[in-house]
Amino acid sequence: MSEAVWPSVLFIGFLIAQRLAELALARRNTARLLARGAVEHGAAHYPLIVALHAGWLVAIALLGWGEPLRPFWLAIFVLLQGLRLWILGTLGPRWTTRIIVLDEPLVRRGPFRVLRHPNYTLVVAEIAVAPLVLGLGWVALVFSVLNAAVLTIRIRAENAAIYPR
């Protein structure tokens, strides 16, 4: 493998490892929350989210392999990781990839003081920015449009679950 390929391989590897680690954390947190009496909402659309993110990763891995990294977009991506850590740290054991509702007050500190759905803000940005790190503008565009459609369903379901009328 030539030296020119390694930066893209490392970036793609990081994306995949990060998503797998997040899924493991989400599974653990989901199980613990459900054991505490939490209830899942909107499970029917969850496979759409999984398919979208899997397709996004596959597109990046197949098309970004060997592409040079774009420093501007890489810097933006790194900044987004700071937001990710802030969100994860704020939610702690309540962070999950599913809509899991506890009979407890919502978290209102950290990024949740400023944004109603900071994790979705992060995901929207990452869906666009990660492909741009590898110069894959059309991947960013296609998956951003698909993500917008899925998030419309997701946010409606989450708002109905956590802000009942």
N, C-alpha and C. Protein backbone atom coordinates (compact mmCIF):
# COMPACT_ATOMS: atom_id res chain seq x y z
N MET A 1 0.85 -1.18 0.00
CA MET A 1 0.00 0.00 0.00
C MET A 1 0.90 1.24 0.00
N SER A 2 0.63 2.17 -0.89
CA SER A 2 1.48 3.35 -1.00
C SER A 2 1.23 4.30 0.17
N GLU A 3 2.20 5.14 0.43
CA GLU A 3 2.08 6.11 1.53
C GLU A 3 0.91 7.06 1.34
N ALA A 4 0.57 7.37 0.10
CA ALA A 4 -0.51 8.31 -0.19
C ALA A 4 -1.88 7.78 0.25
N VAL A 5 -1.99 6.47 0.38
CA VAL A 5 -3.27 5.85 0.76
C VAL A 5 -3.51 5.91 2.27
N TRP A 6 -2.46 5.89 3.07
CA TRP A 6 -2.59 5.76 4.51
C TRP A 6 -3.46 6.83 5.18
N PRO A 7 -3.36 8.10 4.84
CA PRO A 7 -4.24 9.07 5.52
C PRO A 7 -5.72 8.75 5.35
N SER A 8 -6.13 8.37 4.14
CA SER A 8 -7.54 8.05 3.94
C SER A 8 -7.92 6.77 4.67
N VAL A 9 -7.03 5.80 4.68
CA VAL A 9 -7.30 4.55 5.39
C VAL A 9 -7.46 4.81 6.89
N LEU A 10 -6.60 5.64 7.44
CA LEU A 10 -6.70 5.96 8.87
C LEU A 10 -7.98 6.73 9.18
N PHE A 11 -8.35 7.67 8.33
CA PHE A 11 -9.57 8.43 8.55
C PHE A 11 -10.80 7.52 8.47
N ILE A 12 -10.86 6.70 7.44
CA ILE A 12 -11.99 5.77 7.28
C ILE A 12 -12.02 4.78 8.44
N GLY A 13 -10.85 4.28 8.82
CA GLY A 13 -10.78 3.36 9.96
C GLY A 13 -11.28 4.01 11.24
N PHE A 14 -10.93 5.29 11.43
CA PHE A 14 -11.41 6.02 12.61
C PHE A 14 -12.93 6.11 12.59
N LEU A 15 -13.51 6.47 11.45
CA LEU A 15 -14.97 6.57 11.35
C LEU A 15 -15.64 5.25 11.71
N ILE A 16 -15.14 4.17 11.15
CA ILE A 16 -15.74 2.86 11.40
C ILE A 16 -15.58 2.46 12.86
N ALA A 17 -14.38 2.63 13.41
CA ALA A 17 -14.14 2.27 14.81
C ALA A 17 -15.01 3.11 15.75
N GLN A 18 -15.12 4.39 15.44
CA GLN A 18 -15.94 5.28 16.26
C GLN A 18 -17.40 4.82 16.27
N ARG A 19 -17.94 4.53 15.09
CA ARG A 19 -19.34 4.12 15.00
C ARG A 19 -19.57 2.78 15.72
N LEU A 20 -18.63 1.86 15.59
CA LEU A 20 -18.78 0.57 16.29
C LEU A 20 -18.72 0.76 17.80
N ALA A 21 -17.83 1.61 18.27
CA ALA A 21 -17.74 1.88 19.71
C ALA A 21 -19.02 2.55 20.20
N GLU A 22 -19.56 3.46 19.40
CA GLU A 22 -20.80 4.12 19.79
C GLU A 22 -21.96 3.13 19.85
N LEU A 23 -22.01 2.19 18.91
CA LEU A 23 -23.07 1.18 18.95
C LEU A 23 -22.96 0.32 20.20
N ALA A 24 -21.74 -0.04 20.57
CA ALA A 24 -21.55 -0.83 21.79
C ALA A 24 -21.99 -0.03 23.02
N LEU A 25 -21.59 1.22 23.09
CA LEU A 25 -22.00 2.08 24.21
C LEU A 25 -23.52 2.25 24.23
N ALA A 26 -24.10 2.47 23.07
CA ALA A 26 -25.55 2.66 22.99
C ALA A 26 -26.29 1.40 23.44
N ARG A 27 -25.81 0.25 23.02
CA ARG A 27 -26.45 -1.02 23.45
C ARG A 27 -26.40 -1.17 24.97
N ARG A 28 -25.23 -0.91 25.53
CA ARG A 28 -25.09 -1.02 26.97
C ARG A 28 -26.00 -0.04 27.70
N ASN A 29 -26.00 1.21 27.26
CA ASN A 29 -26.84 2.22 27.90
C ASN A 29 -28.32 1.91 27.72
N THR A 30 -28.71 1.44 26.54
CA THR A 30 -30.11 1.09 26.29
C THR A 30 -30.55 -0.01 27.24
N ALA A 31 -29.75 -1.05 27.37
CA ALA A 31 -30.10 -2.16 28.27
C ALA A 31 -30.26 -1.67 29.70
N ARG A 32 -29.36 -0.83 30.14
CA ARG A 32 -29.43 -0.31 31.51
C ARG A 32 -30.65 0.58 31.72
N LEU A 33 -30.94 1.42 30.73
CA LEU A 33 -32.10 2.30 30.84
C LEU A 33 -33.40 1.49 30.87
N LEU A 34 -33.51 0.50 30.00
CA LEU A 34 -34.71 -0.34 29.98
C LEU A 34 -34.86 -1.10 31.28
N ALA A 35 -33.75 -1.54 31.85
CA ALA A 35 -33.79 -2.24 33.15
C ALA A 35 -34.27 -1.32 34.27
N ARG A 36 -34.07 -0.01 34.09
CA ARG A 36 -34.54 0.97 35.09
C ARG A 36 -35.98 1.39 34.85
N GLY A 37 -36.63 0.82 33.85
CA GLY A 37 -38.02 1.14 33.60
C GLY A 37 -38.26 2.12 32.46
N ALA A 38 -37.22 2.46 31.74
CA ALA A 38 -37.39 3.36 30.60
C ALA A 38 -38.17 2.65 29.49
N VAL A 39 -38.73 3.44 28.59
CA VAL A 39 -39.54 2.90 27.50
C VAL A 39 -38.96 3.37 26.17
N GLU A 40 -38.90 2.45 25.19
CA GLU A 40 -38.43 2.83 23.87
C GLU A 40 -39.60 3.31 23.02
N HIS A 41 -39.35 4.34 22.24
CA HIS A 41 -40.34 4.90 21.31
C HIS A 41 -39.73 4.93 19.92
N GLY A 42 -40.57 4.85 18.90
CA GLY A 42 -40.11 5.01 17.52
C GLY A 42 -39.20 3.91 17.02
N ALA A 43 -39.32 2.72 17.57
CA ALA A 43 -38.42 1.63 17.16
C ALA A 43 -38.60 1.25 15.69
N ALA A 44 -39.76 1.48 15.13
CA ALA A 44 -40.04 1.06 13.75
C ALA A 44 -39.12 1.75 12.73
N HIS A 45 -38.72 2.98 13.01
CA HIS A 45 -37.87 3.69 12.04
C HIS A 45 -36.37 3.46 12.29
N TYR A 46 -36.01 2.81 13.37
CA TYR A 46 -34.60 2.61 13.70
C TYR A 46 -33.82 1.89 12.59
N PRO A 47 -34.39 0.86 11.94
CA PRO A 47 -33.65 0.22 10.84
C PRO A 47 -33.30 1.20 9.70
N LEU A 48 -34.11 2.22 9.48
CA LEU A 48 -33.79 3.24 8.48
C LEU A 48 -32.51 3.99 8.85
N ILE A 49 -32.39 4.30 10.13
CA ILE A 49 -31.21 5.02 10.61
C ILE A 49 -29.97 4.14 10.44
N VAL A 50 -30.09 2.88 10.82
CA VAL A 50 -28.97 1.95 10.69
C VAL A 50 -28.57 1.81 9.22
N ALA A 51 -29.55 1.65 8.34
CA ALA A 51 -29.26 1.50 6.91
C ALA A 51 -28.59 2.76 6.35
N LEU A 52 -29.10 3.91 6.74
CA LEU A 52 -28.52 5.17 6.26
C LEU A 52 -27.06 5.29 6.67
N HIS A 53 -26.78 5.07 7.95
CA HIS A 53 -25.41 5.22 8.44
C HIS A 53 -24.48 4.14 7.88
N ALA A 54 -24.99 2.92 7.72
CA ALA A 54 -24.17 1.87 7.12
C ALA A 54 -23.86 2.21 5.66
N GLY A 55 -24.86 2.66 4.93
CA GLY A 55 -24.64 3.04 3.53
C GLY A 55 -23.65 4.18 3.40
N TRP A 56 -23.76 5.15 4.30
CA TRP A 56 -22.86 6.29 4.33
C TRP A 56 -21.41 5.83 4.54
N LEU A 57 -21.23 4.95 5.51
CA LEU A 57 -19.88 4.44 5.79
C LEU A 57 -19.33 3.63 4.61
N VAL A 58 -20.17 2.81 4.02
CA VAL A 58 -19.73 2.01 2.87
C VAL A 58 -19.34 2.92 1.71
N ALA A 59 -20.15 3.94 1.44
CA ALA A 59 -19.83 4.87 0.35
C ALA A 59 -18.51 5.58 0.62
N ILE A 60 -18.30 6.02 1.84
CA ILE A 60 -17.04 6.69 2.18
C ILE A 60 -15.87 5.72 2.04
N ALA A 61 -16.04 4.51 2.55
CA ALA A 61 -14.94 3.53 2.51
C ALA A 61 -14.58 3.15 1.07
N LEU A 62 -15.58 2.90 0.25
CA LEU A 62 -15.31 2.47 -1.13
C LEU A 62 -14.79 3.60 -2.01
N LEU A 63 -15.38 4.78 -1.85
CA LEU A 63 -15.05 5.88 -2.76
C LEU A 63 -13.92 6.78 -2.24
N GLY A 64 -13.71 6.75 -0.92
CA GLY A 64 -12.69 7.63 -0.34
C GLY A 64 -11.33 7.01 -0.20
N TRP A 65 -11.25 5.71 -0.41
CA TRP A 65 -9.99 4.98 -0.28
C TRP A 65 -8.92 5.60 -1.18
N GLY A 66 -7.85 6.07 -0.59
CA GLY A 66 -6.74 6.62 -1.35
C GLY A 66 -6.88 8.08 -1.71
N GLU A 67 -8.02 8.68 -1.37
CA GLU A 67 -8.21 10.11 -1.66
C GLU A 67 -7.40 10.94 -0.67
N PRO A 68 -6.87 12.06 -1.10
CA PRO A 68 -6.14 12.93 -0.15
C PRO A 68 -7.13 13.59 0.82
N LEU A 69 -6.66 13.83 2.03
CA LEU A 69 -7.47 14.52 3.02
C LEU A 69 -7.46 16.02 2.74
N ARG A 70 -8.60 16.64 2.90
CA ARG A 70 -8.72 18.09 2.73
C ARG A 70 -8.57 18.73 4.11
N PRO A 71 -7.49 19.46 4.37
CA PRO A 71 -7.20 19.98 5.71
C PRO A 71 -8.32 20.83 6.31
N PHE A 72 -8.95 21.69 5.51
CA PHE A 72 -10.02 22.53 6.05
C PHE A 72 -11.15 21.67 6.61
N TRP A 73 -11.61 20.68 5.82
CA TRP A 73 -12.71 19.84 6.26
C TRP A 73 -12.29 18.91 7.40
N LEU A 74 -11.04 18.50 7.40
CA LEU A 74 -10.54 17.68 8.50
C LEU A 74 -10.56 18.49 9.80
N ALA A 75 -10.19 19.76 9.74
CA ALA A 75 -10.23 20.62 10.93
C ALA A 75 -11.66 20.77 11.44
N ILE A 76 -12.60 20.94 10.53
CA ILE A 76 -14.02 21.03 10.93
C ILE A 76 -14.46 19.72 11.57
N PHE A 77 -14.05 18.61 10.97
CA PHE A 77 -14.39 17.29 11.52
C PHE A 77 -13.84 17.14 12.93
N VAL A 78 -12.62 17.57 13.15
CA VAL A 78 -12.01 17.47 14.49
C VAL A 78 -12.80 18.33 15.49
N LEU A 79 -13.20 19.51 15.08
CA LEU A 79 -14.03 20.35 15.95
C LEU A 79 -15.35 19.66 16.29
N LEU A 80 -15.93 18.99 15.33
CA LEU A 80 -17.18 18.27 15.58
C LEU A 80 -16.98 17.16 16.62
N GLN A 81 -15.78 16.59 16.67
CA GLN A 81 -15.53 15.55 17.66
C GLN A 81 -15.55 16.12 19.08
N GLY A 82 -15.18 17.39 19.20
CA GLY A 82 -15.31 18.06 20.49
C GLY A 82 -16.77 18.16 20.91
N LEU A 83 -17.64 18.50 19.96
CA LEU A 83 -19.07 18.55 20.25
C LEU A 83 -19.58 17.15 20.62
N ARG A 84 -19.10 16.13 19.92
CA ARG A 84 -19.50 14.74 20.24
C ARG A 84 -19.15 14.40 21.69
N LEU A 85 -17.93 14.72 22.09
CA LEU A 85 -17.51 14.42 23.46
C LEU A 85 -18.33 15.20 24.48
N TRP A 86 -18.66 16.44 24.16
CA TRP A 86 -19.49 17.27 25.05
C TRP A 86 -20.87 16.64 25.22
N ILE A 87 -21.45 16.20 24.13
CA ILE A 87 -22.78 15.57 24.17
C ILE A 87 -22.72 14.27 24.97
N LEU A 88 -21.77 13.42 24.64
CA LEU A 88 -21.64 12.14 25.35
C LEU A 88 -21.38 12.35 26.84
N GLY A 89 -20.53 13.31 27.16
CA GLY A 89 -20.23 13.59 28.56
C GLY A 89 -21.43 14.16 29.30
N THR A 90 -22.22 14.96 28.62
CA THR A 90 -23.40 15.56 29.25
C THR A 90 -24.48 14.51 29.51
N LEU A 91 -24.73 13.67 28.54
CA LEU A 91 -25.79 12.66 28.70
C LEU A 91 -25.33 11.45 29.50
N GLY A 92 -24.04 11.15 29.45
CA GLY A 92 -23.52 10.01 30.21
C GLY A 92 -24.29 8.74 29.91
N PRO A 93 -24.78 8.05 30.94
CA PRO A 93 -25.47 6.77 30.73
C PRO A 93 -26.84 6.90 30.06
N ARG A 94 -27.28 8.13 29.81
CA ARG A 94 -28.56 8.32 29.11
C ARG A 94 -28.39 8.42 27.60
N TRP A 95 -27.14 8.45 27.10
CA TRP A 95 -26.92 8.56 25.67
C TRP A 95 -27.16 7.20 25.01
N THR A 96 -27.92 7.21 23.94
CA THR A 96 -28.17 6.00 23.17
C THR A 96 -28.55 6.39 21.75
N THR A 97 -28.56 5.41 20.86
CA THR A 97 -28.94 5.68 19.48
C THR A 97 -30.44 5.48 19.26
N ARG A 98 -31.12 5.12 20.27
CA ARG A 98 -32.57 4.90 20.19
C ARG A 98 -33.29 5.99 20.98
N ILE A 99 -34.61 6.03 20.86
CA ILE A 99 -35.40 6.97 21.65
C ILE A 99 -35.84 6.21 22.90
N ILE A 100 -35.13 6.44 23.98
CA ILE A 100 -35.39 5.77 25.25
C ILE A 100 -35.77 6.84 26.26
N VAL A 101 -36.97 6.71 26.81
CA VAL A 101 -37.49 7.76 27.69
C VAL A 101 -37.63 7.22 29.11
N LEU A 102 -36.99 7.95 30.02
CA LEU A 102 -37.11 7.69 31.46
C LEU A 102 -38.14 8.63 32.05
N ASP A 103 -38.71 8.21 33.15
CA ASP A 103 -39.63 9.10 33.86
C ASP A 103 -38.80 10.00 34.78
N GLU A 104 -37.95 10.81 34.15
CA GLU A 104 -37.07 11.74 34.86
C GLU A 104 -37.01 13.01 34.02
N PRO A 105 -36.63 14.12 34.64
CA PRO A 105 -36.51 15.36 33.85
C PRO A 105 -35.48 15.23 32.73
N LEU A 106 -35.71 15.95 31.66
CA LEU A 106 -34.77 15.97 30.55
C LEU A 106 -33.47 16.64 30.99
N VAL A 107 -32.39 16.26 30.33
CA VAL A 107 -31.10 16.90 30.57
C VAL A 107 -31.18 18.30 29.97
N ARG A 108 -30.83 19.31 30.76
CA ARG A 108 -30.92 20.70 30.30
C ARG A 108 -29.59 21.45 30.47
N ARG A 109 -28.51 20.71 30.62
CA ARG A 109 -27.21 21.36 30.78
C ARG A 109 -26.35 21.10 29.55
N GLY A 110 -25.15 21.62 29.56
CA GLY A 110 -24.24 21.40 28.44
C GLY A 110 -24.84 21.94 27.16
N PRO A 111 -24.67 21.21 26.05
CA PRO A 111 -25.18 21.69 24.76
C PRO A 111 -26.71 21.73 24.71
N PHE A 112 -27.36 21.04 25.65
CA PHE A 112 -28.82 21.03 25.68
C PHE A 112 -29.40 22.34 26.20
N ARG A 113 -28.55 23.19 26.76
CA ARG A 113 -28.99 24.54 27.14
C ARG A 113 -29.21 25.39 25.91
N VAL A 114 -28.48 25.07 24.84
CA VAL A 114 -28.47 25.90 23.64
C VAL A 114 -29.32 25.29 22.51
N LEU A 115 -29.26 23.98 22.37
CA LEU A 115 -29.94 23.28 21.28
C LEU A 115 -30.90 22.24 21.84
N ARG A 116 -32.03 22.09 21.18
CA ARG A 116 -33.00 21.09 21.61
C ARG A 116 -32.49 19.68 21.30
N HIS A 117 -31.83 19.54 20.15
CA HIS A 117 -31.33 18.23 19.71
C HIS A 117 -29.87 18.34 19.26
N PRO A 118 -28.94 18.56 20.18
CA PRO A 118 -27.55 18.75 19.75
C PRO A 118 -26.95 17.53 19.07
N ASN A 119 -27.36 16.34 19.44
CA ASN A 119 -26.80 15.15 18.80
C ASN A 119 -27.21 15.09 17.33
N TYR A 120 -28.43 15.49 17.01
CA TYR A 120 -28.86 15.50 15.61
C TYR A 120 -28.14 16.60 14.84
N THR A 121 -27.87 17.70 15.49
CA THR A 121 -27.09 18.77 14.86
C THR A 121 -25.71 18.23 14.49
N LEU A 122 -25.10 17.51 15.41
CA LEU A 122 -23.80 16.90 15.17
C LEU A 122 -23.87 15.91 14.01
N VAL A 123 -24.87 15.05 14.02
CA VAL A 123 -24.99 14.03 12.97
C VAL A 123 -25.18 14.69 11.60
N VAL A 124 -26.02 15.72 11.53
CA VAL A 124 -26.22 16.43 10.27
C VAL A 124 -24.88 16.97 9.75
N ALA A 125 -24.12 17.58 10.65
CA ALA A 125 -22.82 18.14 10.26
C ALA A 125 -21.86 17.03 9.82
N GLU A 126 -21.80 15.95 10.58
CA GLU A 126 -20.86 14.87 10.24
C GLU A 126 -21.21 14.17 8.94
N ILE A 127 -22.49 13.96 8.69
CA ILE A 127 -22.91 13.31 7.44
C ILE A 127 -22.37 14.11 6.25
N ALA A 128 -22.34 15.43 6.38
CA ALA A 128 -21.83 16.28 5.31
C ALA A 128 -20.31 16.40 5.34
N VAL A 129 -19.75 16.62 6.52
CA VAL A 129 -18.32 16.96 6.61
C VAL A 129 -17.40 15.77 6.37
N ALA A 130 -17.70 14.60 6.92
CA ALA A 130 -16.78 13.46 6.78
C ALA A 130 -16.50 13.12 5.32
N PRO A 131 -17.50 13.05 4.46
CA PRO A 131 -17.17 12.79 3.05
C PRO A 131 -16.35 13.92 2.41
N LEU A 132 -16.60 15.15 2.85
CA LEU A 132 -15.86 16.29 2.29
C LEU A 132 -14.38 16.24 2.67
N VAL A 133 -14.07 15.60 3.79
CA VAL A 133 -12.67 15.42 4.17
C VAL A 133 -11.93 14.67 3.06
N LEU A 134 -12.64 13.79 2.38
CA LEU A 134 -12.05 12.97 1.30
C LEU A 134 -12.45 13.47 -0.09
N GLY A 135 -13.05 14.65 -0.16
CA GLY A 135 -13.42 15.22 -1.45
C GLY A 135 -14.63 14.59 -2.10
N LEU A 136 -15.48 13.94 -1.31
CA LEU A 136 -16.65 13.24 -1.83
C LEU A 136 -17.90 14.10 -1.69
N GLY A 137 -17.94 15.18 -2.45
CA GLY A 137 -19.04 16.12 -2.35
C GLY A 137 -20.39 15.52 -2.65
N TRP A 138 -20.48 14.66 -3.64
CA TRP A 138 -21.78 14.09 -3.97
C TRP A 138 -22.25 13.11 -2.90
N VAL A 139 -21.33 12.43 -2.22
CA VAL A 139 -21.70 11.55 -1.10
C VAL A 139 -22.27 12.41 0.04
N ALA A 140 -21.63 13.53 0.30
CA ALA A 140 -22.13 14.46 1.32
C ALA A 140 -23.53 14.93 0.97
N LEU A 141 -23.75 15.28 -0.27
CA LEU A 141 -25.06 15.78 -0.70
C LEU A 141 -26.14 14.71 -0.64
N VAL A 142 -25.89 13.56 -1.23
CA VAL A 142 -26.89 12.49 -1.27
C VAL A 142 -27.27 12.04 0.14
N PHE A 143 -26.27 11.80 0.99
CA PHE A 143 -26.58 11.30 2.33
C PHE A 143 -27.13 12.40 3.23
N SER A 144 -26.82 13.65 2.95
CA SER A 144 -27.44 14.75 3.71
C SER A 144 -28.93 14.83 3.41
N VAL A 145 -29.29 14.66 2.15
CA VAL A 145 -30.72 14.67 1.78
C VAL A 145 -31.43 13.47 2.40
N LEU A 146 -30.84 12.29 2.30
CA LEU A 146 -31.45 11.10 2.91
C LEU A 146 -31.56 11.25 4.42
N ASN A 147 -30.51 11.79 5.04
CA ASN A 147 -30.51 12.00 6.48
C ASN A 147 -31.60 12.98 6.89
N ALA A 148 -31.81 14.03 6.11
CA ALA A 148 -32.88 15.00 6.42
C ALA A 148 -34.23 14.30 6.44
N ALA A 149 -34.46 13.42 5.48
CA ALA A 149 -35.73 12.69 5.43
C ALA A 149 -35.90 11.80 6.66
N VAL A 150 -34.85 11.06 7.02
CA VAL A 150 -34.92 10.17 8.17
C VAL A 150 -35.04 10.97 9.47
N LEU A 151 -34.31 12.06 9.58
CA LEU A 151 -34.39 12.87 10.81
C LEU A 151 -35.75 13.53 10.98
N THR A 152 -36.45 13.80 9.89
CA THR A 152 -37.80 14.33 10.00
C THR A 152 -38.69 13.34 10.75
N ILE A 153 -38.57 12.08 10.38
CA ILE A 153 -39.33 11.01 11.07
C ILE A 153 -38.85 10.89 12.51
N ARG A 154 -37.55 10.84 12.68
CA ARG A 154 -36.94 10.62 13.99
C ARG A 154 -37.28 11.73 14.99
N ILE A 155 -37.12 12.96 14.58
CA ILE A 155 -37.36 14.07 15.51
C ILE A 155 -38.84 14.17 15.86
N ARG A 156 -39.72 13.91 14.91
CA ARG A 156 -41.16 13.88 15.23
C ARG A 156 -41.44 12.84 16.30
N ALA A 157 -40.88 11.64 16.12
CA ALA A 157 -41.10 10.56 17.08
C ALA A 157 -40.51 10.91 18.44
N GLU A 158 -39.32 11.49 18.44
CA GLU A 158 -38.69 11.84 19.72
C GLU A 158 -39.44 12.96 20.42
N ASN A 159 -39.83 13.97 19.69
CA ASN A 159 -40.58 15.07 20.31
C ASN A 159 -41.91 14.57 20.88
N ALA A 160 -42.59 13.68 20.17
CA ALA A 160 -43.84 13.12 20.69
C ALA A 160 -43.61 12.33 21.97
N ALA A 161 -42.46 11.66 22.05
CA ALA A 161 -42.15 10.85 23.23
C ALA A 161 -41.73 11.69 24.44
N ILE A 162 -40.96 12.75 24.21
CA ILE A 162 -40.42 13.49 25.36
C ILE A 162 -41.17 14.78 25.67
N TYR A 163 -41.99 15.23 24.75
CA TYR A 163 -42.81 16.42 24.98
C TYR A 163 -44.27 16.08 24.74
N PRO A 164 -44.82 15.11 25.50
CA PRO A 164 -46.22 14.71 25.26
C PRO A 164 -47.17 15.87 25.54
N ARG A 165 -48.26 15.86 24.83
CA ARG A 165 -49.26 16.94 24.98
C ARG A 165 -50.18 16.67 26.12
